[in-house]
Protein backbone atom coordinates (compact mmCIF):
# COMPACT_ATOMS: atom_id res chain seq x y z
CA UNK A 1 70.40 87.04 104.23
CA UNK A 2 73.25 85.44 106.29
CA UNK A 3 76.20 88.07 105.89
CA UNK A 4 78.70 85.22 105.78
CA UNK A 5 77.17 83.97 102.55
CA UNK A 6 77.65 87.44 101.10
CA UNK A 7 81.33 86.98 100.68
CA UNK A 8 81.25 84.47 97.99
CA UNK A 9 83.52 83.98 94.75
CA UNK A 10 81.23 86.42 92.83
CA UNK A 11 81.35 89.09 95.45
CA UNK A 12 85.00 89.40 95.36
CA UNK A 13 85.24 88.98 91.49
CA UNK A 14 82.69 91.87 90.94
CA UNK A 15 84.44 94.30 93.42
CA UNK A 16 86.85 96.75 91.78
CA UNK A 17 88.61 97.67 94.94
CA UNK A 18 89.32 93.90 95.28
CA UNK A 19 90.51 93.62 91.72
CA UNK A 20 93.01 96.53 92.33
CA UNK A 21 94.28 94.45 95.49
CA UNK A 22 94.63 91.36 93.49
CA UNK A 23 96.53 93.20 90.67
CA UNK A 24 98.59 95.25 93.08
CA UNK A 25 97.27 98.57 91.46
CA UNK A 26 96.21 100.66 94.44
CA UNK A 27 98.15 101.06 97.89
CA UNK A 28 95.00 102.03 99.72
CA UNK A 29 93.08 99.04 98.41
CA UNK A 30 96.16 96.74 99.15
CA UNK A 31 96.33 97.98 102.61
CA UNK A 32 92.48 97.68 103.07
CA UNK A 33 92.14 94.04 101.84
CA UNK A 34 95.26 92.85 103.55
CA UNK A 35 93.76 94.13 107.01
CA UNK A 36 90.20 92.77 106.03
CA UNK A 37 91.62 89.31 105.27
CA UNK A 38 93.67 89.23 108.48
CA UNK A 39 90.53 89.95 110.40
CA UNK A 40 88.18 87.56 108.41
CA UNK A 41 90.54 84.44 107.91
CA UNK A 42 87.45 82.21 107.16
CA UNK A 43 87.26 84.06 103.78
CA UNK A 44 91.05 83.81 102.82
CA UNK A 45 90.49 80.75 100.52
CA UNK A 46 87.62 82.17 98.60
CA UNK A 47 89.50 85.30 98.12
CA UNK A 48 92.67 83.61 96.94
CA UNK A 49 90.71 81.64 94.37
CA UNK A 50 89.12 84.99 93.22
CA UNK A 51 92.77 86.65 93.01
CA UNK A 52 93.88 83.52 91.06
CA UNK A 53 91.02 84.05 88.49
CA UNK A 54 91.60 87.74 88.38
CA UNK A 55 95.54 87.44 87.55
CA UNK A 56 95.56 84.02 86.20
CA UNK A 57 95.82 82.63 82.74
CA UNK A 58 93.77 84.68 80.15
CA UNK A 59 91.97 81.89 78.19
CA UNK A 60 90.95 82.53 74.52
CA UNK A 61 87.35 83.41 74.51
CA UNK A 62 86.49 81.31 71.59
CA UNK A 63 84.99 77.70 72.23
CA UNK A 64 87.28 74.77 71.08
CA UNK A 65 86.44 73.78 67.42
CA UNK A 66 84.31 70.67 66.66
CA UNK A 67 87.54 69.06 65.26
CA UNK A 68 89.26 69.63 68.48
CA UNK A 69 86.24 68.08 70.44
CA UNK A 70 85.93 65.25 67.98
CA UNK A 71 89.74 64.65 68.28
CA UNK A 72 89.64 64.67 72.03
CA UNK A 73 86.78 62.05 72.10
CA UNK A 74 88.54 59.81 69.53
CA UNK A 75 91.27 59.65 71.99
CA UNK A 76 88.97 58.73 74.88
CA UNK A 77 86.45 56.43 73.44
CA UNK A 78 89.07 53.84 72.31
CA UNK A 79 90.20 53.33 75.83
CA UNK A 80 86.56 52.43 76.80
CA UNK A 81 85.75 48.93 75.84
CA UNK A 82 82.55 49.43 73.43
CA UNK A 83 82.20 45.78 72.51
CA UNK A 84 78.51 45.68 73.37
CA UNK A 85 78.10 42.19 71.74
CA UNK A 86 80.46 40.64 74.03
CA UNK A 87 78.59 42.12 77.17
CA UNK A 88 77.25 39.16 79.08
CA UNK A 89 75.01 40.87 81.67
CA UNK A 90 73.16 44.05 82.30
CA UNK A 91 75.75 44.94 85.11
CA UNK A 92 78.41 45.38 82.41
CA UNK A 93 76.09 47.39 80.15
CA UNK A 94 75.19 49.77 83.14
CA UNK A 95 78.80 50.16 83.90
CA UNK A 96 79.70 50.95 80.29
CA UNK A 97 76.84 53.48 80.06
CA UNK A 98 78.16 55.09 83.31
CA UNK A 99 81.58 55.36 81.90
CA UNK A 100 80.32 57.04 78.79
CA UNK A 101 78.25 59.32 80.78
CA UNK A 102 81.15 60.20 82.97
CA UNK A 103 83.43 60.86 79.96
CA UNK A 104 80.71 63.17 78.33
CA UNK A 105 80.16 65.02 81.63
CA UNK A 106 84.05 65.68 81.89
CA UNK A 107 83.96 67.27 78.33
CA UNK A 108 81.04 69.37 79.38
CA UNK A 109 82.93 70.47 82.49
CA UNK A 110 85.79 71.42 80.66
CA UNK A 111 83.64 73.69 78.25
CA UNK A 112 81.85 75.17 81.37
CA UNK A 113 85.06 75.98 82.97
CA UNK A 114 86.41 77.45 79.68
CA UNK A 115 83.35 79.61 79.49
CA UNK A 116 83.73 80.55 83.22
CA UNK A 117 87.27 81.67 82.82
CA UNK A 118 86.56 83.57 79.87
CA UNK A 119 83.74 85.43 81.57
CA UNK A 120 85.66 86.26 84.69
CA UNK A 121 88.86 87.52 83.04
CA UNK A 122 86.87 89.60 80.57
CA UNK A 123 86.86 92.59 82.77
CA UNK A 124 89.10 95.00 80.94
CA UNK A 125 88.49 98.17 83.12
CA UNK A 126 90.55 99.37 86.04
CA UNK A 127 88.87 101.68 88.83
CA UNK A 128 90.32 103.74 91.30
CA UNK A 129 88.04 105.50 94.05
CA UNK A 130 88.44 107.14 97.23
CA UNK A 131 86.29 107.18 100.35
CA UNK A 132 85.07 110.29 102.20
CA UNK A 133 88.02 112.30 103.38
CA UNK A 134 90.54 110.24 101.65
CA UNK A 135 93.24 111.38 99.15
CA UNK A 136 95.44 109.13 97.11
CA UNK A 137 98.29 109.40 94.78
CA UNK A 138 98.16 107.15 91.62
CA UNK A 139 100.61 106.53 89.00
CA UNK A 140 98.93 105.45 85.56
CA UNK A 141 100.32 102.64 83.30
CA UNK A 142 101.67 105.45 80.86
CA UNK A 143 103.47 107.25 83.60
CA UNK A 144 100.74 109.86 84.26
CA UNK A 145 100.55 111.09 87.96
CA UNK A 146 96.86 111.52 89.51
CA UNK A 147 96.09 112.79 92.90
CA UNK A 148 92.53 111.73 93.49
CA UNK A 149 90.58 113.67 96.00
CA UNK A 150 88.08 112.36 98.49
CA UNK A 151 84.74 110.68 97.26
CA UNK A 152 85.97 110.57 93.74
CA UNK A 153 86.56 107.95 91.08
CA UNK A 154 88.45 107.53 87.92
CA UNK A 155 88.15 104.49 85.56
CA UNK A 156 89.70 103.53 82.23
CA UNK A 157 89.92 100.66 79.88
CA UNK A 158 93.13 98.78 80.19
CA UNK A 159 93.85 98.83 76.48
CA UNK A 160 93.68 102.64 76.61
CA UNK A 161 95.03 104.06 79.96
CA UNK A 162 95.21 107.56 78.50
CA UNK A 163 91.50 107.76 78.14
CA UNK A 164 90.19 108.63 81.71
CA UNK A 165 86.72 109.04 83.00
CA UNK A 166 86.21 111.11 86.10
CA UNK A 167 83.64 111.49 88.74
CA UNK A 168 84.56 113.92 91.52
CA UNK A 169 87.97 115.69 91.60
CA UNK A 170 91.46 115.13 90.59
CA UNK A 171 94.82 116.65 89.66
CA UNK A 172 96.63 115.43 86.64
CA UNK A 173 100.35 115.49 85.81
CA UNK A 174 100.27 114.01 82.28
CA UNK A 175 103.34 111.90 81.04
CA UNK A 176 104.15 113.35 77.52
CA UNK A 177 105.14 110.78 74.83
CA UNK A 178 107.22 112.82 72.30
CA UNK A 179 107.90 109.79 70.04
CA UNK A 180 104.16 109.36 69.06
CA UNK A 181 102.64 112.65 70.33
CA UNK A 182 100.10 110.27 72.15
CA UNK A 183 97.19 112.48 73.48
CA UNK A 184 95.59 112.06 76.89
CA UNK A 185 91.95 112.59 77.60
CA UNK A 186 89.78 113.13 80.76
CA UNK A 187 86.08 112.78 80.16
CA UNK A 188 83.47 114.19 82.52
CA UNK A 189 79.67 114.52 82.07
CA UNK A 190 80.27 118.05 80.75
CA UNK A 191 83.19 118.06 78.62
CA UNK A 192 86.28 116.21 77.24
CA UNK A 193 89.73 117.44 78.29
CA UNK A 194 92.35 116.83 75.48
CA UNK A 195 96.11 117.18 76.17
CA UNK A 196 99.63 116.07 75.14
CA UNK A 197 101.50 116.62 78.39
CA UNK A 198 100.55 119.16 81.09
CA UNK A 199 99.39 119.94 84.81
CA UNK A 200 95.81 120.63 85.26
CA UNK A 201 92.99 120.25 87.84
CA UNK A 202 89.50 118.94 87.17
CA UNK A 203 86.25 119.29 89.29
CA UNK A 204 83.02 117.81 88.59
CA UNK A 205 81.15 118.85 91.66
CA UNK A 206 77.84 120.67 91.71
CA UNK A 207 76.55 119.42 88.20
CA UNK A 208 79.37 121.22 86.31
CA UNK A 209 82.97 120.89 85.36
CA UNK A 210 85.65 123.34 86.40
CA UNK A 211 89.09 123.01 84.80
CA UNK A 212 92.16 124.91 85.95
CA UNK A 213 95.34 124.82 83.84
CA UNK A 214 98.73 125.08 85.67
CA UNK A 215 101.09 124.18 82.89
CA UNK A 216 100.98 123.44 79.10
CA UNK A 217 98.06 123.83 77.00
CA UNK A 218 94.83 121.92 76.69
CA UNK A 219 91.73 121.80 74.39
CA UNK A 220 88.33 121.39 76.00
CA UNK A 221 85.46 119.72 73.77
CA UNK A 222 82.27 120.63 75.31
CA UNK A 223 79.09 118.53 74.99
CA UNK A 224 77.53 120.98 72.63
CA UNK A 225 80.43 120.56 70.36
CA UNK A 226 82.26 123.81 71.05
CA UNK A 227 86.03 123.69 71.20
CA UNK A 228 87.84 125.77 73.85
CA UNK A 229 91.58 126.21 74.19
CA UNK A 230 93.19 126.93 77.54
CA UNK A 231 96.65 128.37 78.41
CA UNK A 232 98.23 128.16 81.94
CA UNK A 233 96.64 130.40 84.53
CA UNK A 234 93.01 130.14 83.04
CA UNK A 235 89.99 128.55 84.68
CA UNK A 236 87.11 127.25 82.58
CA UNK A 237 83.68 126.19 83.98
CA UNK A 238 81.00 124.52 81.97
CA UNK A 239 77.67 122.69 82.56
CA UNK A 240 75.93 120.69 79.92
CA UNK A 241 72.78 121.23 81.97
CA UNK A 242 72.70 125.17 81.96
CA UNK A 243 74.96 125.38 78.85
CA UNK A 244 76.82 128.27 80.78
CA UNK A 245 80.38 128.71 80.06
CA UNK A 246 82.80 130.93 81.85
CA UNK A 247 86.42 131.31 80.65
CA UNK A 248 88.93 133.72 82.45
CA UNK A 249 92.43 134.37 83.74
CA UNK A 250 92.82 133.52 87.42
CA UNK A 251 94.21 136.50 89.33
CA UNK A 252 93.91 137.86 92.72
CA UNK A 253 90.34 139.03 92.15
CA UNK A 254 89.29 135.60 90.81
CA UNK A 255 87.32 133.55 93.34
CA UNK A 256 88.42 129.82 93.23
CA UNK A 257 88.96 126.81 95.42
CA UNK A 258 91.74 124.44 94.74
CA UNK A 259 93.23 121.42 96.76
CA UNK A 260 96.42 119.58 96.25
CA UNK A 261 99.02 118.09 98.65
CA UNK A 262 96.38 117.76 101.54
CA UNK A 263 95.53 121.66 101.27
CA UNK A 264 92.59 123.59 100.30
CA UNK A 265 93.62 126.80 98.62
CA UNK A 266 90.93 129.52 98.74
CA UNK A 267 90.79 132.84 97.10
CA UNK A 268 87.89 135.06 98.33
CA UNK A 269 85.59 132.12 98.52
CA UNK A 270 82.52 132.54 100.41
CA UNK A 271 82.14 130.09 103.37
CA UNK A 272 79.02 128.36 101.60
CA UNK A 273 81.40 127.29 98.84
CA UNK A 274 84.27 126.13 101.28
CA UNK A 275 81.69 124.09 103.26
CA UNK A 276 80.60 122.59 100.00
CA UNK A 277 84.05 121.24 99.42
CA UNK A 278 83.76 119.48 103.00
CA UNK A 279 80.19 118.27 102.17
CA UNK A 280 81.41 116.48 99.15
CA UNK A 281 84.80 115.31 100.36
CA UNK A 282 83.63 113.92 103.74
CA UNK A 283 80.00 113.19 103.15
CA UNK A 284 78.69 115.71 105.57
CA UNK A 285 75.64 118.03 105.85
CA UNK A 286 76.03 121.61 106.71
CA UNK A 287 73.55 124.04 108.27
CA UNK A 288 73.85 127.59 109.20
CA UNK A 289 72.44 129.38 112.23
CA UNK A 290 72.27 132.51 110.09
CA UNK A 291 72.11 133.17 106.46
CA UNK A 292 74.79 135.85 106.44
CA UNK A 293 77.21 133.32 107.52
CA UNK A 294 77.30 131.73 104.32
CA UNK A 295 78.89 134.80 102.55
CA UNK A 296 81.92 135.11 104.85
CA UNK A 297 84.92 135.33 102.47
CA UNK A 298 88.10 132.94 103.09
CA UNK A 299 91.47 133.25 101.65
CA UNK A 300 94.61 131.15 102.08
CA UNK A 301 95.45 127.45 102.58
CA UNK A 302 93.61 125.03 105.08
CA UNK A 303 94.63 121.35 105.92
CA UNK A 304 91.96 119.07 104.37
CA UNK A 305 93.29 115.55 105.25
CA UNK A 306 91.91 115.82 109.01
CA UNK A 307 88.55 116.85 109.41
CA UNK A 308 88.96 118.41 113.08
CA UNK A 309 92.02 120.42 111.97
CA UNK A 310 90.14 121.58 108.79
CA UNK A 311 87.10 122.75 110.98
CA UNK A 312 89.50 124.47 113.54
CA UNK A 313 91.17 126.29 110.74
CA UNK A 314 87.96 127.55 109.23
CA UNK A 315 86.59 128.56 112.54
CA UNK A 316 89.78 130.55 113.01
CA UNK A 317 89.56 132.16 109.61
CA UNK A 318 85.92 133.08 109.70
CA UNK A 319 85.29 133.82 113.53
CA UNK A 320 82.64 131.25 113.70
CA UNK A 321 81.82 128.21 115.67
CA UNK A 322 81.28 124.87 114.04
CA UNK A 323 79.56 122.00 115.85
CA UNK A 324 80.03 118.50 114.42
CA UNK A 325 77.31 116.18 115.47
CA UNK A 326 76.31 112.96 113.63
CA UNK A 327 77.88 113.95 110.36
CA UNK A 328 76.10 117.36 110.36
CA UNK A 329 78.10 120.58 110.83
CA UNK A 330 76.20 123.44 112.41
CA UNK A 331 77.81 126.87 111.85
CA UNK A 332 77.11 129.54 114.57
CA UNK A 333 78.26 133.01 115.35
CA UNK A 334 81.20 132.65 117.86
CA UNK A 335 80.09 134.37 121.13
CA UNK A 336 83.62 134.64 122.33
CA UNK A 337 84.58 136.71 119.05
CA UNK A 338 81.42 138.82 119.48
């Protein structure tokens, strides 16, 4: 297929990142599409047409009534000379039929256009997603702040922006609404987090969901129907596949891995868990020269928004050497250290 033909109207309308650009919802998407259009001026007209459809007039999805159609036709037909008895030749008749056909075609075109606008403006969801190694700060319509980690996605119905679906990893600072006590939900494959206003971290990696609560209180509704309440400083892990639930207080002896503000925070985490974070965040594959390297513990903070700096910090913390080649990280003993 000719790649130029790929960027048609439907392509732009079906791309959630482009929709965010059109609506001005995501600064990363805005930057990306502004640069893309600058480098692809031949697609500017199509992109602008798609933008107009996305942010344009929201038409009623109901078709015009028969009375409306008949009224429109009654206004058009008197303007067309329908006195067939006075037609003196076939040429006039053909002209008349052509005029009627054109009028009918115009009505049909209006209906089809009506349908098309209803179809394209019927997208009621908003999606935010990150690339490998990308972290973005979001502000939801209700005022809630979200930090979305690399290779992650959230989406919600525009009519209910306090019901969030999550794939990947995110940190939430929920905006309370005291006047209505409106609740806020985060839904993963394993559980549903229910809050009023609080700060918490959700990680859906490794076929399970981890929730760490920093402030406030939340209820977790598990897929098996069980309800668990959390208080600040606790961590809960649950998988609908294994049905295994762990609920404990985070302390100096609790192994955990968190990220926020561009830094991984590790507390006695084995190297294999640390590298799993890099695999999922940057889309990498990790290999080990020796099995015992996987169990080297790491504590402390490591910058995570620059892969080279992150690797260098891990090498220093573990006394290993990490070779990055074609998106594969090979972890070896460091002969200089040994």
